PDB file of N, CA and C in Angstrom:
ATOM      1  N   UNK A   1      66.631 168.957  90.176  1.00  0.00           N
ATOM      2  CA  UNK A   1      67.580 168.660  91.198  1.00  0.00           C
ATOM      3  C   UNK A   1      67.635 167.212  91.372  1.00  0.00           C
ATOM      4  N   UNK A   2      68.825 166.534  91.307  1.00  0.00           N
ATOM      5  CA  UNK A   2      68.953 165.145  91.515  1.00  0.00           C
ATOM      6  C   UNK A   2      69.861 164.971  92.774  1.00  0.00           C
ATOM      7  N   UNK A   3      69.457 165.086  93.973  1.00  0.00           N
ATOM      8  CA  UNK A   3      69.967 164.898  95.017  1.00  0.00           C
ATOM      9  C   UNK A   3      69.149 164.014  95.921  1.00  0.00           C
ATOM     10  N   UNK A   4      69.723 163.375  97.010  1.00  0.00           N
ATOM     11  CA  UNK A   4      69.037 162.542  97.821  1.00  0.00           C
ATOM     12  C   UNK A   4      68.001 163.295  98.685  1.00  0.00           C
ATOM     13  N   UNK A   5      68.453 164.681  98.933  1.00  0.00           N
ATOM     14  CA  UNK A   5      67.450 165.466  99.750  1.00  0.00           C
ATOM     15  C   UNK A   5      66.121 165.733  98.781  1.00  0.00           C
ATOM     16  N   UNK A   6      66.241 166.064  97.550  1.00  0.00           N
ATOM     17  CA  UNK A   6      65.181 166.315  96.637  1.00  0.00           C
ATOM     18  C   UNK A   6      64.425 164.936  96.554  1.00  0.00           C
ATOM     19  N   UNK A   7      65.094 163.897  96.382  1.00  0.00           N
ATOM     20  CA  UNK A   7      64.469 162.666  96.252  1.00  0.00           C
ATOM     21  C   UNK A   7      63.638 162.134  97.501  1.00  0.00           C
ATOM     22  N   UNK A   8      64.229 162.519  98.551  1.00  0.00           N
ATOM     23  CA  UNK A   8      63.555 162.384  99.869  1.00  0.00           C
ATOM     24  C   UNK A   8      62.226 163.221 100.074  1.00  0.00           C
ATOM     25  N   UNK A   9      62.307 164.370  99.533  1.00  0.00           N
ATOM     26  CA  UNK A   9      61.129 165.299  99.601  1.00  0.00           C
ATOM     27  C   UNK A   9      60.025 164.788  98.676  1.00  0.00           C
ATOM     28  N   UNK A  10      60.405 164.360  97.505  1.00  0.00           N
ATOM     29  CA  UNK A  10      59.404 163.672  96.493  1.00  0.00           C
ATOM     30  C   UNK A  10      58.885 162.531  97.062  1.00  0.00           C
ATOM     31  N   UNK A  11      59.584 161.608  97.666  1.00  0.00           N
ATOM     32  CA  UNK A  11      58.951 160.401  98.360  1.00  0.00           C
ATOM     33  C   UNK A  11      58.152 160.766  99.430  1.00  0.00           C
ATOM     34  N   UNK A  12      58.343 161.670 100.372  1.00  0.00           N
ATOM     35  CA  UNK A  12      57.550 162.125 101.401  1.00  0.00           C
ATOM     36  C   UNK A  12      56.287 162.719 100.926  1.00  0.00           C
ATOM     37  N   UNK A  13      56.339 163.430  99.980  1.00  0.00           N
ATOM     38  CA  UNK A  13      55.148 164.107  99.281  1.00  0.00           C
ATOM     39  C   UNK A  13      54.134 162.976  98.608  1.00  0.00           C
ATOM     40  N   UNK A  14      54.889 162.024  98.065  1.00  0.00           N
ATOM     41  CA  UNK A  14      53.982 160.976  97.491  1.00  0.00           C
ATOM     42  C   UNK A  14      53.397 160.018  98.521  1.00  0.00           C
ATOM     43  N   UNK A  15      54.101 159.864  99.606  1.00  0.00           N
ATOM     44  CA  UNK A  15      53.558 158.985 100.667  1.00  0.00           C
ATOM     45  C   UNK A  15      52.345 159.810 101.355  1.00  0.00           C
ATOM     46  N   UNK A  16      52.498 161.059 101.498  1.00  0.00           N
ATOM     47  CA  UNK A  16      51.387 161.916 102.038  1.00  0.00           C
ATOM     48  C   UNK A  16      50.205 161.846 101.267  1.00  0.00           C
ATOM     49  N   UNK A  17      50.334 161.937  99.857  1.00  0.00           N
ATOM     50  CA  UNK A  17      49.169 161.798  99.024  1.00  0.00           C
ATOM     51  C   UNK A  17      48.534 160.484  99.121  1.00  0.00           C
ATOM     52  N   UNK A  18      49.219 159.326  99.080  1.00  0.00           N
ATOM     53  CA  UNK A  18      48.899 158.043  99.357  1.00  0.00           C
ATOM     54  C   UNK A  18      47.946 157.892 100.549  1.00  0.00           C
ATOM     55  N   UNK A  19      48.584 158.450 101.667  1.00  0.00           N
ATOM     56  CA  UNK A  19      47.988 158.354 102.893  1.00  0.00           C
ATOM     57  C   UNK A  19      46.694 159.040 103.039  1.00  0.00           C
ATOM     58  N   UNK A  20      46.495 160.178 102.372  1.00  0.00           N
ATOM     59  CA  UNK A  20      45.348 160.917 102.387  1.00  0.00           C
ATOM     60  C   UNK A  20      44.141 160.154 101.566  1.00  0.00           C
ATOM     61  N   UNK A  21      44.481 159.581 100.584  1.00  0.00           N
ATOM     62  CA  UNK A  21      43.535 158.669  99.938  1.00  0.00           C
ATOM     63  C   UNK A  21      43.239 157.457 100.733  1.00  0.00           C
ATOM     64  N   UNK A  22      44.193 156.801 101.334  1.00  0.00           N
ATOM     65  CA  UNK A  22      43.792 155.662 102.222  1.00  0.00           C
ATOM     66  C   UNK A  22      42.966 155.934 103.382  1.00  0.00           C
ATOM     67  N   UNK A  23      43.261 157.161 104.001  1.00  0.00           N
ATOM     68  CA  UNK A  23      42.440 157.501 105.216  1.00  0.00           C
ATOM     69  C   UNK A  23      41.072 157.915 104.751  1.00  0.00           C
ATOM     70  N   UNK A  24      40.990 158.552 103.628  1.00  0.00           N
ATOM     71  CA  UNK A  24      39.614 159.033 103.081  1.00  0.00           C
ATOM     72  C   UNK A  24      38.833 157.600 102.952  1.00  0.00           C
ATOM     73  N   UNK A  25      39.428 156.635 102.338  1.00  0.00           N
ATOM     74  CA  UNK A  25      38.717 155.351 102.038  1.00  0.00           C
ATOM     75  C   UNK A  25      38.286 154.633 103.354  1.00  0.00           C
ATOM     76  N   UNK A  26      39.087 154.798 104.392  1.00  0.00           N
ATOM     77  CA  UNK A  26      38.725 154.252 105.654  1.00  0.00           C
ATOM     78  C   UNK A  26      37.555 155.036 106.329  1.00  0.00           C
ATOM     79  N   UNK A  27      37.650 156.311 106.167  1.00  0.00           N
ATOM     80  CA  UNK A  27      36.598 157.179 106.687  1.00  0.00           C
ATOM     81  C   UNK A  27      35.329 156.824 106.114  1.00  0.00           C
ATOM     82  N   UNK A  28      35.299 156.683 104.753  1.00  0.00           N
ATOM     83  CA  UNK A  28      34.112 156.422 104.066  1.00  0.00           C
ATOM     84  C   UNK A  28      33.486 155.007 104.501  1.00  0.00           C
ATOM     85  N   UNK A  29      34.544 154.063 104.710  1.00  0.00           N
ATOM     86  CA  UNK A  29      34.101 152.784 105.162  1.00  0.00           C
ATOM     87  C   UNK A  29      33.452 152.894 106.683  1.00  0.00           C
ATOM     88  N   UNK A  30      33.896 153.688 107.463  1.00  0.00           N
ATOM     89  CA  UNK A  30      33.342 153.880 108.703  1.00  0.00           C
ATOM     90  C   UNK A  30      32.083 154.809 108.814  1.00  0.00           C
ATOM     91  N   UNK A  31      31.629 155.362 107.685  1.00  0.00           N
ATOM     92  CA  UNK A  31      30.483 156.078 107.593  1.00  0.00           C
ATOM     93  C   UNK A  31      29.264 155.239 107.944  1.00  0.00           C
ATOM     94  N   UNK A  32      29.390 153.927 107.549  1.00  0.00           N
ATOM     95  CA  UNK A  32      28.474 152.951 107.831  1.00  0.00           C
ATOM     96  C   UNK A  32      27.990 152.749 109.333  1.00  0.00           C
ATOM     97  N   UNK A  33      29.037 153.144 110.145  1.00  0.00           N
ATOM     98  CA  UNK A  33      28.757 153.020 111.719  1.00  0.00           C
ATOM     99  C   UNK A  33      28.314 154.374 112.161  1.00  0.00           C
ATOM    100  N   UNK A  34      28.607 155.370 111.517  1.00  0.00           N
ATOM    101  CA  UNK A  34      28.114 156.739 111.880  1.00  0.00           C
ATOM    102  C   UNK A  34      29.162 157.855 111.661  1.00  0.00           C
ATOM    103  N   UNK A  35      28.671 159.079 111.765  1.00  0.00           N
ATOM    104  CA  UNK A  35      29.670 160.223 111.406  1.00  0.00           C
ATOM    105  C   UNK A  35      30.807 160.335 112.523  1.00  0.00           C
ATOM    106  N   UNK A  36      30.628 160.016 113.711  1.00  0.00           N
ATOM    107  CA  UNK A  36      31.726 160.127 114.771  1.00  0.00           C
ATOM    108  C   UNK A  36      32.826 159.133 114.370  1.00  0.00           C
ATOM    109  N   UNK A  37      32.388 158.015 113.917  1.00  0.00           N
ATOM    110  CA  UNK A  37      33.491 156.837 113.588  1.00  0.00           C
ATOM    111  C   UNK A  37      34.232 157.424 112.354  1.00  0.00           C
ATOM    112  N   UNK A  38      33.604 157.918 111.373  1.00  0.00           N
ATOM    113  CA  UNK A  38      34.381 158.517 110.308  1.00  0.00           C
ATOM    114  C   UNK A  38      35.249 159.614 110.567  1.00  0.00           C
ATOM    115  N   UNK A  39      34.689 160.472 111.347  1.00  0.00           N
ATOM    116  CA  UNK A  39      35.631 161.715 111.950  1.00  0.00           C
ATOM    117  C   UNK A  39      36.705 161.072 112.643  1.00  0.00           C
ATOM    118  N   UNK A  40      36.585 160.132 113.426  1.00  0.00           N
ATOM    119  CA  UNK A  40      37.778 159.582 114.276  1.00  0.00           C
ATOM    120  C   UNK A  40      38.803 159.048 113.377  1.00  0.00           C
ATOM    121  N   UNK A  41      38.290 158.303 112.367  1.00  0.00           N
ATOM    122  CA  UNK A  41      39.220 157.674 111.402  1.00  0.00           C
ATOM    123  C   UNK A  41      40.179 158.836 110.599  1.00  0.00           C
ATOM    124  N   UNK A  42      39.347 159.897 110.309  1.00  0.00           N
ATOM    125  CA  UNK A  42      40.036 161.112 109.713  1.00  0.00           C
ATOM    126  C   UNK A  42      40.989 161.720 110.709  1.00  0.00           C
ATOM    127  N   UNK A  43      40.602 161.915 111.885  1.00  0.00           N
ATOM    128  CA  UNK A  43      41.505 162.482 112.874  1.00  0.00           C
ATOM    129  C   UNK A  43      42.693 161.670 113.045  1.00  0.00           C
ATOM    130  N   UNK A  44      42.772 160.326 113.177  1.00  0.00           N
ATOM    131  CA  UNK A  44      43.882 159.461 113.403  1.00  0.00           C
ATOM    132  C   UNK A  44      44.733 159.517 112.168  1.00  0.00           C
ATOM    133  N   UNK A  45      44.191 159.213 111.064  1.00  0.00           N
ATOM    134  CA  UNK A  45      44.987 159.165 109.755  1.00  0.00           C
ATOM    135  C   UNK A  45      45.578 160.504 109.493  1.00  0.00           C
ATOM    136  N   UNK A  46      44.720 161.626 109.511  1.00  0.00           N
ATOM    137  CA  UNK A  46      45.008 163.028 109.245  1.00  0.00           C
ATOM    138  C   UNK A  46      46.226 163.446 110.239  1.00  0.00           C
ATOM    139  N   UNK A  47      46.125 162.903 111.397  1.00  0.00           N
ATOM    140  CA  UNK A  47      47.342 163.304 112.241  1.00  0.00           C
ATOM    141  C   UNK A  47      48.610 162.665 111.831  1.00  0.00           C
ATOM    142  N   UNK A  48      48.672 161.309 111.418  1.00  0.00           N
ATOM    143  CA  UNK A  48      49.804 160.805 110.842  1.00  0.00           C
ATOM    144  C   UNK A  48      50.259 161.415 109.525  1.00  0.00           C
ATOM    145  N   UNK A  49      49.367 161.882 108.682  1.00  0.00           N
ATOM    146  CA  UNK A  49      49.723 162.607 107.397  1.00  0.00           C
ATOM    147  C   UNK A  49      50.265 163.871 107.712  1.00  0.00           C
ATOM    148  N   UNK A  50      49.750 164.734 108.686  1.00  0.00           N
ATOM    149  CA  UNK A  50      50.206 166.053 109.049  1.00  0.00           C
ATOM    150  C   UNK A  50      51.544 165.867 109.775  1.00  0.00           C
ATOM    151  N   UNK A  51      51.671 164.759 110.704  1.00  0.00           N
ATOM    152  CA  UNK A  51      52.904 164.592 111.276  1.00  0.00           C
ATOM    153  C   UNK A  51      53.973 164.237 110.336  1.00  0.00           C
ATOM    154  N   UNK A  52      53.644 163.537 109.351  1.00  0.00           N
ATOM    155  CA  UNK A  52      54.530 163.038 108.203  1.00  0.00           C
ATOM    156  C   UNK A  52      55.099 164.202 107.594  1.00  0.00           C
ATOM    157  N   UNK A  53      54.287 165.074 107.246  1.00  0.00           N
ATOM    158  CA  UNK A  53      54.608 166.368 106.537  1.00  0.00           C
ATOM    159  C   UNK A  53      55.624 167.178 107.401  1.00  0.00           C
ATOM    160  N   UNK A  54      55.312 167.444 108.658  1.00  0.00           N
ATOM    161  CA  UNK A  54      55.990 168.105 109.477  1.00  0.00           C
ATOM    162  C   UNK A  54      57.462 167.543 109.628  1.00  0.00           C
ATOM    163  N   UNK A  55      57.448 166.126 109.771  1.00  0.00           N
ATOM    164  CA  UNK A  55      58.710 165.388 110.029  1.00  0.00           C
ATOM    165  C   UNK A  55      59.547 165.628 108.789  1.00  0.00           C
ATOM    166  N   UNK A  56      59.030 165.564 107.584  1.00  0.00           N
ATOM    167  CA  UNK A  56      59.812 165.775 106.375  1.00  0.00           C
ATOM    168  C   UNK A  56      60.202 167.204 106.209  1.00  0.00           C
ATOM    169  N   UNK A  57      59.484 168.021 106.660  1.00  0.00           N
ATOM    170  CA  UNK A  57      59.923 169.469 106.546  1.00  0.00           C
ATOM    171  C   UNK A  57      61.134 169.696 107.506  1.00  0.00           C
ATOM    172  N   UNK A  58      61.048 169.238 108.702  1.00  0.00           N
ATOM    173  CA  UNK A  58      62.215 169.345 109.567  1.00  0.00           C
ATOM    174  C   UNK A  58      63.382 168.525 109.097  1.00  0.00           C
ATOM    175  N   UNK A  59      63.267 167.264 108.829  1.00  0.00           N
ATOM    176  CA  UNK A  59      64.318 166.414 108.505  1.00  0.00           C
ATOM    177  C   UNK A  59      65.052 166.819 107.159  1.00  0.00           C
ATOM    178  N   UNK A  60      64.211 167.111 106.191  1.00  0.00           N
ATOM    179  CA  UNK A  60      64.755 167.486 104.885  1.00  0.00           C
ATOM    180  C   UNK A  60      64.869 169.007 104.606  1.00  0.00           C
ATOM    181  N   UNK A  61      64.642 169.725 105.588  1.00  0.00           N
ATOM    182  CA  UNK A  61      64.505 171.247 105.328  1.00  0.00           C
ATOM    183  C   UNK A  61      65.922 171.835 105.422  1.00  0.00           C
ATOM    184  N   UNK A  62      66.911 171.259 105.989  1.00  0.00           N
ATOM    185  CA  UNK A  62      68.133 172.039 106.184  1.00  0.00           C
ATOM    186  C   UNK A  62      69.255 171.856 105.108  1.00  0.00           C
ATOM    187  N   UNK A  63      68.942 171.178 103.977  1.00  0.00           N
ATOM    188  CA  UNK A  63      69.893 170.937 102.979  1.00  0.00           C
ATOM    189  C   UNK A  63      70.888 169.815 103.423  1.00  0.00           C
ATOM    190  N   UNK A  64      72.090 169.951 102.764  1.00  0.00           N
ATOM    191  CA  UNK A  64      73.163 169.074 103.178  1.00  0.00           C
ATOM    192  C   UNK A  64      74.091 169.644 104.280  1.00  0.00           C
ATOM    193  N   UNK A  65      74.078 168.801 105.370  1.00  0.00           N
ATOM    194  CA  UNK A  65      74.897 169.269 106.574  1.00  0.00           C
ATOM    195  C   UNK A  65      75.720 167.993 106.871  1.00  0.00           C
ATOM    196  N   UNK A  66      76.642 168.176 107.801  1.00  0.00           N
ATOM    197  CA  UNK A  66      77.379 167.087 108.454  1.00  0.00           C
ATOM    198  C   UNK A  66      76.451 166.093 109.023  1.00  0.00           C
ATOM    199  N   UNK A  67      76.962 164.854 109.292  1.00  0.00           N
ATOM    200  CA  UNK A  67      76.141 163.850 109.798  1.00  0.00           C
ATOM    201  C   UNK A  67      75.355 163.885 111.081  1.00  0.00           C
ATOM    202  N   UNK A  68      76.080 164.639 111.956  1.00  0.00           N
ATOM    203  CA  UNK A  68      75.473 164.859 113.360  1.00  0.00           C
ATOM    204  C   UNK A  68      74.284 165.846 113.157  1.00  0.00           C
ATOM    205  N   UNK A  69      74.394 166.872 112.286  1.00  0.00           N
ATOM    206  CA  UNK A  69      73.266 167.892 112.176  1.00  0.00           C
ATOM    207  C   UNK A  69      72.146 167.017 111.375  1.00  0.00           C
ATOM    208  N   UNK A  70      72.488 166.329 110.432  1.00  0.00           N
ATOM    209  CA  UNK A  70      71.256 165.656 109.769  1.00  0.00           C
ATOM    210  C   UNK A  70      70.732 164.637 110.596  1.00  0.00           C
ATOM    211  N   UNK A  71      71.478 163.865 111.405  1.00  0.00           N
ATOM    212  CA  UNK A  71      70.879 162.774 112.302  1.00  0.00           C
ATOM    213  C   UNK A  71      69.817 163.585 113.313  1.00  0.00           C
ATOM    214  N   UNK A  72      70.413 164.807 113.874  1.00  0.00           N
ATOM    215  CA  UNK A  72      69.649 165.592 114.856  1.00  0.00           C
ATOM    216  C   UNK A  72      68.364 166.072 114.133  1.00  0.00           C
ATOM    217  N   UNK A  73      68.298 166.510 112.917  1.00  0.00           N
ATOM    218  CA  UNK A  73      67.052 166.940 112.323  1.00  0.00           C
ATOM    219  C   UNK A  73      66.203 165.774 112.010  1.00  0.00           C
ATOM    220  N   UNK A  74      66.676 164.424 111.755  1.00  0.00           N
ATOM    221  CA  UNK A  74      66.017 163.425 111.560  1.00  0.00           C
ATOM    222  C   UNK A  74      65.200 162.978 112.753  1.00  0.00           C
ATOM    223  N   UNK A  75      65.987 163.003 113.769  1.00  0.00           N
ATOM    224  CA  UNK A  75      65.382 162.598 115.209  1.00  0.00           C
ATOM    225  C   UNK A  75      64.399 163.640 115.654  1.00  0.00           C
ATOM    226  N   UNK A  76      64.658 164.912 115.582  1.00  0.00           N
ATOM    227  CA  UNK A  76      63.698 165.984 115.775  1.00  0.00           C
ATOM    228  C   UNK A  76      62.371 165.855 114.944  1.00  0.00           C
ATOM    229  N   UNK A  77      62.554 165.486 113.636  1.00  0.00           N
ATOM    230  CA  UNK A  77      61.316 165.320 112.769  1.00  0.00           C
ATOM    231  C   UNK A  77      60.466 164.165 113.370  1.00  0.00           C
ATOM    232  N   UNK A  78      61.110 163.019 113.566  1.00  0.00           N
ATOM    233  CA  UNK A  78      60.298 161.857 114.101  1.00  0.00           C
ATOM    234  C   UNK A  78      59.706 162.169 115.523  1.00  0.00           C
ATOM    235  N   UNK A  79      60.472 162.845 116.344  1.00  0.00           N
ATOM    236  CA  UNK A  79      59.700 163.182 117.583  1.00  0.00           C
ATOM    237  C   UNK A  79      58.628 164.156 117.367  1.00  0.00           C
ATOM    238  N   UNK A  80      58.682 165.114 116.374  1.00  0.00           N
ATOM    239  CA  UNK A  80      57.723 166.165 116.161  1.00  0.00           C
ATOM    240  C   UNK A  80      56.380 165.258 115.524  1.00  0.00           C
ATOM    241  N   UNK A  81      56.719 164.417 114.749  1.00  0.00           N
ATOM    242  CA  UNK A  81      55.739 163.556 114.040  1.00  0.00           C
ATOM    243  C   UNK A  81      54.749 162.924 115.126  1.00  0.00           C
ATOM    244  N   UNK A  82      55.472 162.097 115.960  1.00  0.00           N
ATOM    245  CA  UNK A  82      54.730 161.441 117.075  1.00  0.00           C
ATOM    246  C   UNK A  82      54.152 162.319 118.057  1.00  0.00           C
ATOM    247  N   UNK A  83      54.717 163.433 118.265  1.00  0.00           N
ATOM    248  CA  UNK A  83      53.958 164.384 119.240  1.00  0.00           C
ATOM    249  C   UNK A  83      52.641 164.775 118.608  1.00  0.00           C
ATOM    250  N   UNK A  84      52.730 165.213 117.327  1.00  0.00           N
ATOM    251  CA  UNK A  84      51.600 165.534 116.648  1.00  0.00           C
ATOM    252  C   UNK A  84      50.373 164.452 116.614  1.00  0.00           C
ATOM    253  N   UNK A  85      50.867 163.197 116.444  1.00  0.00           N
ATOM    254  CA  UNK A  85      49.873 162.099 116.455  1.00  0.00           C
ATOM    255  C   UNK A  85      49.412 161.940 117.813  1.00  0.00           C
ATOM    256  N   UNK A  86      50.205 162.046 118.888  1.00  0.00           N
ATOM    257  CA  UNK A  86      49.668 161.729 120.275  1.00  0.00           C
ATOM    258  C   UNK A  86      48.766 162.882 120.709  1.00  0.00           C
ATOM    259  N   UNK A  87      49.151 164.099 120.297  1.00  0.00           N
ATOM    260  CA  UNK A  87      48.322 165.245 120.707  1.00  0.00           C
ATOM    261  C   UNK A  87      46.907 165.022 119.962  1.00  0.00           C
ATOM    262  N   UNK A  88      46.967 164.773 118.666  1.00  0.00           N
ATOM    263  CA  UNK A  88      45.630 164.687 117.911  1.00  0.00           C
ATOM    264  C   UNK A  88      44.747 163.603 118.397  1.00  0.00           C
ATOM    265  N   UNK A  89      45.383 162.383 118.776  1.00  0.00           N
ATOM    266  CA  UNK A  89      44.661 161.309 119.257  1.00  0.00           C
ATOM    267  C   UNK A  89      44.084 161.606 120.675  1.00  0.00           C
ATOM    268  N   UNK A  90      44.913 162.294 121.446  1.00  0.00           N
ATOM    269  CA  UNK A  90      44.362 162.547 122.728  1.00  0.00           C
ATOM    270  C   UNK A  90      43.194 163.773 122.802  1.00  0.00           C
ATOM    271  N   UNK A  91      43.362 164.583 121.835  1.00  0.00           N
ATOM    272  CA  UNK A  91      42.280 165.411 121.592  1.00  0.00           C
ATOM    273  C   UNK A  91      40.961 164.907 120.939  1.00  0.00           C
ATOM    274  N   UNK A  92      41.224 163.970 119.933  1.00  0.00           N
ATOM    275  CA  UNK A  92      39.993 163.421 119.384  1.00  0.00           C
ATOM    276  C   UNK A  92      39.335 162.455 120.097  1.00  0.00           C
ATOM    277  N   UNK A  93      40.229 161.667 121.012  1.00  0.00           N
ATOM    278  CA  UNK A  93      39.441 160.628 121.889  1.00  0.00           C
ATOM    279  C   UNK A  93      39.153 161.155 123.084  1.00  0.00           C
ATOM    280  N   UNK A  94      40.094 161.782 123.806  1.00  0.00           N
ATOM    281  CA  UNK A  94      39.797 162.328 125.030  1.00  0.00           C
ATOM    282  C   UNK A  94      38.848 163.622 125.157  1.00  0.00           C
ATOM    283  N   UNK A  95      39.143 164.522 124.391  1.00  0.00           N
ATOM    284  CA  UNK A  95      38.238 165.786 124.517  1.00  0.00           C
ATOM    285  C   UNK A  95      37.116 165.726 123.534  1.00  0.00           C
ATOM    286  N   UNK A  96      37.211 164.957 122.414  1.00  0.00           N
ATOM    287  CA  UNK A  96      36.171 164.884 121.405  1.00  0.00           C
ATOM    288  C   UNK A  96      35.259 163.822 121.529  1.00  0.00           C
ATOM    289  N   UNK A  97      35.623 162.809 122.376  1.00  0.00           N
ATOM    290  CA  UNK A  97      34.846 161.710 122.619  1.00  0.00           C
ATOM    291  C   UNK A  97      34.503 160.853 121.462  1.00  0.00           C
ATOM    292  N   UNK A  98      35.557 160.789 120.509  1.00  0.00           N
ATOM    293  CA  UNK A  98      35.410 159.907 119.237  1.00  0.00           C
ATOM    294  C   UNK A  98      35.839 158.566 119.535  1.00  0.00           C
ATOM    295  N   UNK A  99      35.307 157.600 118.771  1.00  0.00           N
ATOM    296  CA  UNK A  99      35.543 156.176 118.997  1.00  0.00           C
ATOM    297  C   UNK A  99      37.088 155.883 118.778  1.00  0.00           C
ATOM    298  N   UNK A 100      37.782 155.301 119.821  1.00  0.00           N
ATOM    299  CA  UNK A 100      39.214 155.045 119.695  1.00  0.00           C
ATOM    300  C   UNK A 100      39.651 153.998 118.648  1.00  0.00           C
ATOM    301  N   UNK A 101      38.669 153.036 118.472  1.00  0.00           N
ATOM    302  CA  UNK A 101      38.856 151.968 117.355  1.00  0.00           C
ATOM    303  C   UNK A 101      38.956 152.607 116.057  1.00  0.00           C
ATOM    304  N   UNK A 102      38.188 153.492 115.714  1.00  0.00           N
ATOM    305  CA  UNK A 102      38.206 154.047 114.467  1.00  0.00           C
ATOM    306  C   UNK A 102      39.502 155.004 114.276  1.00  0.00           C
ATOM    307  N   UNK A 103      39.812 155.677 115.292  1.00  0.00           N
ATOM    308  CA  UNK A 103      40.862 156.694 115.214  1.00  0.00           C
ATOM    309  C   UNK A 103      42.144 155.754 115.087  1.00  0.00           C
ATOM    310  N   UNK A 104      42.278 154.748 115.733  1.00  0.00           N
ATOM    311  CA  UNK A 104      43.503 153.738 115.536  1.00  0.00           C
ATOM    312  C   UNK A 104      43.548 153.020 114.333  1.00  0.00           C
ATOM    313  N   UNK A 105      42.294 152.775 113.772  1.00  0.00           N
ATOM    314  CA  UNK A 105      42.207 152.194 112.344  1.00  0.00           C
ATOM    315  C   UNK A 105      42.782 153.310 111.326  1.00  0.00           C
ATOM    316  N   UNK A 106      42.400 154.519 111.512  1.00  0.00           N
ATOM    317  CA  UNK A 106      42.903 155.602 110.633  1.00  0.00           C
ATOM    318  C   UNK A 106      44.483 155.664 110.821  1.00  0.00           C
ATOM    319  N   UNK A 107      45.031 155.548 111.912  1.00  0.00           N
ATOM    320  CA  UNK A 107      46.485 155.639 112.161  1.00  0.00           C
ATOM    321  C   UNK A 107      47.090 154.490 111.437  1.00  0.00           C
ATOM    322  N   UNK A 108      46.525 153.273 111.601  1.00  0.00           N
ATOM    323  CA  UNK A 108      47.108 152.094 110.971  1.00  0.00           C
ATOM    324  C   UNK A 108      47.061 152.134 109.471  1.00  0.00           C
ATOM    325  N   UNK A 109      45.937 152.467 109.127  1.00  0.00           N
ATOM    326  CA  UNK A 109      45.800 152.790 107.634  1.00  0.00           C
ATOM    327  C   UNK A 109      46.834 153.715 106.961  1.00  0.00           C
ATOM    328  N   UNK A 110      47.001 154.819 107.633  1.00  0.00           N
ATOM    329  CA  UNK A 110      48.076 155.883 107.271  1.00  0.00           C
ATOM    330  C   UNK A 110      49.516 155.238 107.280  1.00  0.00           C
ATOM    331  N   UNK A 111      49.741 154.505 108.368  1.00  0.00           N
ATOM    332  CA  UNK A 111      51.211 153.965 108.546  1.00  0.00           C
ATOM    333  C   UNK A 111      51.519 152.935 107.573  1.00  0.00           C
ATOM    334  N   UNK A 112      50.400 152.001 107.297  1.00  0.00           N
ATOM    335  CA  UNK A 112      50.671 150.939 106.418  1.00  0.00           C
ATOM    336  C   UNK A 112      50.955 151.554 104.925  1.00  0.00           C
ATOM    337  N   UNK A 113      49.942 152.501 104.628  1.00  0.00           N
ATOM    338  CA  UNK A 113      50.087 153.084 103.416  1.00  0.00           C
ATOM    339  C   UNK A 113      51.340 153.871 103.101  1.00  0.00           C
ATOM    340  N   UNK A 114      51.948 154.591 104.164  1.00  0.00           N
ATOM    341  CA  UNK A 114      53.213 155.158 104.122  1.00  0.00           C
ATOM    342  C   UNK A 114      54.353 154.116 103.890  1.00  0.00           C
ATOM    343  N   UNK A 115      54.252 152.851 104.498  1.00  0.00           N
ATOM    344  CA  UNK A 115      55.380 151.952 104.098  1.00  0.00           C
ATOM    345  C   UNK A 115      55.224 151.545 102.818  1.00  0.00           C
ATOM    346  N   UNK A 116      54.085 151.284 102.305  1.00  0.00           N
ATOM    347  CA  UNK A 116      53.774 150.884 100.844  1.00  0.00           C
ATOM    348  C   UNK A 116      54.315 151.898  99.860  1.00  0.00           C
ATOM    349  N   UNK A 117      53.935 153.030 100.172  1.00  0.00           N
ATOM    350  CA  UNK A 117      54.315 154.189  99.205  1.00  0.00           C
ATOM    351  C   UNK A 117      55.814 154.408  99.299  1.00  0.00           C
ATOM    352  N   UNK A 118      56.511 154.220 100.385  1.00  0.00           N
ATOM    353  CA  UNK A 118      58.079 154.428 100.309  1.00  0.00           C
ATOM    354  C   UNK A 118      58.748 153.117  99.887  1.00  0.00           C
ATOM    355  N   UNK A 119      58.040 151.910  99.836  1.00  0.00           N
ATOM    356  CA  UNK A 119      58.757 150.803  99.305  1.00  0.00           C
ATOM    357  C   UNK A 119      58.608 150.620  97.887  1.00  0.00           C
ATOM    358  N   UNK A 120      57.558 151.340  97.271  1.00  0.00           N
ATOM    359  CA  UNK A 120      57.360 151.105  95.840  1.00  0.00           C
ATOM    360  C   UNK A 120      58.046 152.215  94.934  1.00  0.00           C
ATOM    361  N   UNK A 121      58.164 152.028  93.762  1.00  0.00           N
ATOM    362  CA  UNK A 121      58.762 153.062  93.102  1.00  0.00           C
ATOM    363  C   UNK A 121      57.652 153.853  92.238  1.00  0.00           C
TER     364      UNK A 121
END
């Protein structure tokens, strides 16, 4: 299927795979500081990847609709993504007591990788 929705789904899937690889590398690097640091990086970056998947499922899951419906799905997807990220960071840092610097490093790594994956062909 050669539609913009199908292309968007493929792009989102590729970005999630690259995010997972980047977050795993950041977590391995943080293993030098200890297991909680690596777990925090995984929690932060993993939250962005899961949120991105949820956002893609919501935004691209309804097929072709009028502009207002497509924009509403896109906005709902972005809100859902950031709600997942905020909840996961709050849980990891607040309840889990994991290092916030490592969690934010995981988030940054996942977001930078997402931009690079979506900008490249």
